[in-house]
Protein backbone atom coordinates (compact mmCIF):
# COMPACT_ATOMS: atom_id res chain seq x y z
CA MET A 1 62.23 5.70 -73.52
CA SER A 2 59.93 3.55 -75.64
CA ARG A 3 57.56 4.92 -78.28
CA LYS A 4 54.64 3.89 -76.06
CA GLN A 5 56.02 5.89 -73.14
CA LYS A 6 56.76 8.92 -75.32
CA LEU A 7 53.28 8.98 -76.83
CA LEU A 8 51.59 8.49 -73.45
CA GLU A 9 53.70 11.23 -71.86
CA ARG A 10 52.81 13.57 -74.72
CA LEU A 11 49.11 12.72 -74.48
CA ARG A 12 49.10 13.43 -70.72
CA LYS A 13 50.67 16.90 -71.07
CA ILE A 14 48.84 19.81 -69.54
CA PRO A 15 47.56 21.70 -71.38
CA SER A 16 46.44 18.98 -73.79
CA PRO A 17 48.51 18.77 -76.98
CA LYS A 18 47.00 20.53 -79.98
CA ASP A 19 48.83 18.38 -82.50
CA PHE A 20 48.21 14.78 -81.38
CA THR A 21 47.12 12.89 -84.49
CA TRP A 22 44.62 10.12 -85.05
CA ASP A 23 47.42 7.84 -86.28
CA GLU A 24 49.38 8.43 -83.08
CA LEU A 25 46.26 7.59 -81.05
CA VAL A 26 45.75 4.32 -82.93
CA THR A 27 49.42 3.41 -82.41
CA LEU A 28 49.16 4.12 -78.68
CA MET A 29 45.89 2.24 -78.24
CA ARG A 30 47.37 -0.80 -79.99
CA GLN A 31 50.31 -0.64 -77.57
CA PHE A 32 47.78 -0.94 -74.74
CA GLU A 33 46.24 -3.97 -76.50
CA PHE A 34 43.14 -2.24 -77.87
CA ASN A 35 41.79 -3.34 -81.24
CA GLU A 36 39.99 -0.82 -83.40
CA THR A 37 37.21 -1.53 -85.82
CA CYS A 38 35.34 0.73 -88.21
CA LYS A 39 31.96 -0.51 -89.38
CA SER A 40 31.19 2.52 -91.51
CA GLY A 41 32.21 6.12 -92.05
CA SER A 42 34.52 7.58 -89.47
CA HIS A 43 33.12 5.98 -86.31
CA TYR A 44 35.62 3.63 -84.66
CA MET A 45 35.20 1.25 -81.76
CA PHE A 46 38.21 0.51 -79.56
CA GLU A 47 37.94 -2.75 -77.62
CA HIS A 48 40.29 -4.23 -75.04
CA SER A 49 40.59 -7.94 -74.28
CA SER A 50 39.25 -7.20 -70.78
CA GLY A 51 35.94 -6.22 -72.36
CA TYR A 52 36.37 -2.46 -71.96
CA LYS A 53 35.33 -0.59 -75.07
CA PHE A 54 34.61 2.92 -76.22
CA GLY A 55 33.71 4.64 -79.46
CA MET A 56 35.26 7.65 -81.12
CA SER A 57 34.88 9.45 -84.42
CA LYS A 58 37.96 10.10 -86.51
CA THR A 59 38.54 13.81 -86.91
CA HIS A 60 38.33 15.24 -90.42
CA PRO A 61 40.03 16.62 -92.39
CA SER A 62 43.03 17.41 -90.17
CA GLY A 63 43.23 14.17 -88.20
CA ILE A 64 44.11 16.17 -85.06
CA LEU A 65 42.37 15.04 -81.86
CA LYS A 66 40.10 17.32 -79.90
CA LYS A 67 40.45 17.73 -76.13
CA TYR A 68 37.43 15.51 -75.32
CA GLN A 69 38.92 12.72 -77.45
CA ILE A 70 42.19 12.94 -75.56
CA THR A 71 40.28 12.71 -72.28
CA GLU A 72 38.34 9.64 -73.47
CA ALA A 73 41.53 7.90 -74.60
CA LEU A 74 43.29 8.61 -71.30
CA ASN A 75 40.28 7.34 -69.34
CA ALA A 76 40.39 4.09 -71.34
CA ILE A 77 44.13 3.66 -70.83
CA ASP A 78 43.83 4.37 -67.10
CA HIS A 79 40.94 1.91 -66.77
CA VAL A 80 42.75 -1.02 -68.40
CA SER A 81 46.06 -0.17 -66.70
CA LYS A 82 44.65 -0.21 -63.17
CA ASN A 83 42.68 -3.43 -63.78
CA LYS A 84 45.71 -5.49 -64.80
């Protein structure tokens, strides 16, 4: 199983994982061809070549994602995956 598949499977677990890190999210989003930019502070914009984009703040100080962030990331992945 590829790293992409392992991370996605882990992110989709129910209940949501309580230890999914920001770095793992960035790795996964890059695997789905999202580019991230940070203009200032901790606010990041993830943009896909299809034009889909969403913003998210990096969690501090732990770097562990909150449930709503996991939901937003999964929505983005599902959106670009079904529109291929």
